[in-house]
Amino acid sequence: MENQGKGSDNVRDLDIREVNIEKLRDIREVIIDGSLDKEEKRRDFIRQIENPCLYRQGEYIVSLKFADTDVTLEERLLEYLERSEGEEAPWELLH
């Protein structure tokens, strides 16, 4: 199975050992334009990373899973961004 993880509804069931790492976006290559407003920065990040639940960081595959399946990824990301506002975080450009 050569899955790149884009748009998969079954990410939580995905075995990352079967994912082709070369087809995943590397988060280190995502560049956010600081002139964009908050919402546009978020959209630009999602557009560039393609699948925020499954991407790579160098030689590692990152797979995000949430226990509460009634909450959407967008809701989780917004919750995280709101909680981390004012903190030093890799996401600081998205604030």
Protein backbone atom coordinates (compact mmCIF):
# COMPACT_ATOMS: atom_id res chain seq x y z
CA MET A 1 0.00 0.00 0.00
CA GLU A 2 1.59 3.26 -1.10
CA ASN A 3 -0.48 5.87 0.70
CA GLN A 4 0.48 9.51 0.81
CA GLY A 5 -2.18 10.34 3.39
CA LYS A 6 -3.99 13.10 1.49
CA GLY A 7 -7.64 13.42 2.33
CA SER A 8 -7.86 10.08 4.04
CA ASP A 9 -10.91 9.64 6.27
CA ASN A 10 -9.28 6.62 7.89
CA VAL A 11 -6.07 8.20 9.19
CA ARG A 12 -6.66 6.70 12.62
CA ASP A 13 -6.69 3.22 11.06
CA LEU A 14 -3.65 3.86 8.91
CA ASP A 15 -0.49 1.89 9.58
CA ILE A 16 2.27 4.48 9.12
CA ARG A 17 4.69 1.70 8.24
CA GLU A 18 2.76 1.42 4.96
CA VAL A 19 2.99 5.13 4.10
CA ASN A 20 5.47 6.26 1.46
CA ILE A 21 7.36 8.95 3.39
CA GLU A 22 8.59 10.54 0.15
CA LYS A 23 5.01 11.48 -0.76
CA LEU A 24 4.36 13.30 2.51
CA ARG A 25 4.94 17.03 2.93
CA ASP A 26 7.84 17.95 5.22
CA ILE A 27 6.67 20.47 7.82
CA ARG A 28 10.15 22.03 7.81
CA GLU A 29 9.49 23.23 4.26
CA VAL A 30 6.27 25.04 5.15
CA ILE A 31 6.79 28.80 5.02
CA ILE A 32 4.07 31.11 6.30
CA ASP A 33 3.82 34.62 4.87
CA GLY A 34 3.90 36.95 7.89
CA SER A 35 1.95 39.63 5.99
CA LEU A 36 -1.20 37.46 5.89
CA ASP A 37 -3.95 37.86 8.47
CA LYS A 38 -4.56 35.14 11.06
CA GLU A 39 -7.16 33.22 9.04
CA GLU A 40 -5.14 33.40 5.82
CA LYS A 41 -2.05 32.08 7.67
CA ARG A 42 -4.06 29.10 8.87
CA ARG A 43 -5.38 28.39 5.39
CA ASP A 44 -1.92 28.76 3.88
CA PHE A 45 -0.48 26.30 6.41
CA ILE A 46 -3.19 23.71 5.63
CA ARG A 47 -2.72 24.26 1.88
CA GLN A 48 1.02 23.70 2.13
CA ILE A 49 1.07 20.76 4.54
CA GLU A 50 -1.85 19.10 2.64
CA ASN A 51 -2.78 16.79 5.50
CA PRO A 52 -2.12 18.18 9.00
CA CYS A 53 -2.86 14.75 10.48
CA LEU A 54 -0.18 12.99 8.46
CA TYR A 55 3.07 14.64 7.38
CA ARG A 56 6.77 14.23 7.88
CA GLN A 57 9.47 16.04 9.76
CA GLY A 58 12.71 15.03 8.13
CA GLU A 59 13.04 11.27 8.36
CA TYR A 60 10.06 10.90 10.73
CA ILE A 61 6.39 10.42 9.93
CA VAL A 62 4.06 12.41 12.17
CA SER A 63 0.54 11.02 12.59
CA LEU A 64 -1.91 12.98 14.72
CA LYS A 65 -4.87 11.19 16.28
CA PHE A 66 -7.56 12.45 18.62
CA ALA A 67 -9.49 10.39 21.14
CA ASP A 68 -12.68 12.44 20.73
CA THR A 69 -13.92 11.49 17.26
CA ASP A 70 -16.89 13.91 17.47
CA VAL A 71 -14.52 16.86 17.16
CA THR A 72 -13.20 17.83 13.74
CA LEU A 73 -9.55 18.42 12.98
CA GLU A 74 -10.30 22.07 12.29
CA GLU A 75 -11.91 22.44 15.74
CA ARG A 76 -8.90 20.74 17.38
CA LEU A 77 -6.40 22.95 15.54
CA LEU A 78 -8.30 26.11 16.45
CA GLU A 79 -8.51 24.97 20.07
CA TYR A 80 -4.77 24.32 20.13
CA LEU A 81 -3.95 27.66 18.52
CA GLU A 82 -6.18 29.54 20.96
CA ARG A 83 -4.65 27.76 23.98
CA SER A 84 -1.11 28.36 22.79
CA GLU A 85 -1.63 32.06 22.03
CA GLY A 86 1.16 34.03 23.64
CA GLU A 87 3.37 30.97 24.17
CA GLU A 88 6.57 30.17 22.32
CA ALA A 89 5.55 27.42 19.92
CA PRO A 90 6.42 26.19 16.45
CA TRP A 91 3.01 27.48 15.41
CA GLU A 92 3.70 31.04 16.54
CA LEU A 93 3.44 32.42 13.02
CA LEU A 94 -0.14 31.16 12.82
CA HIS A 95 -1.27 33.38 15.74
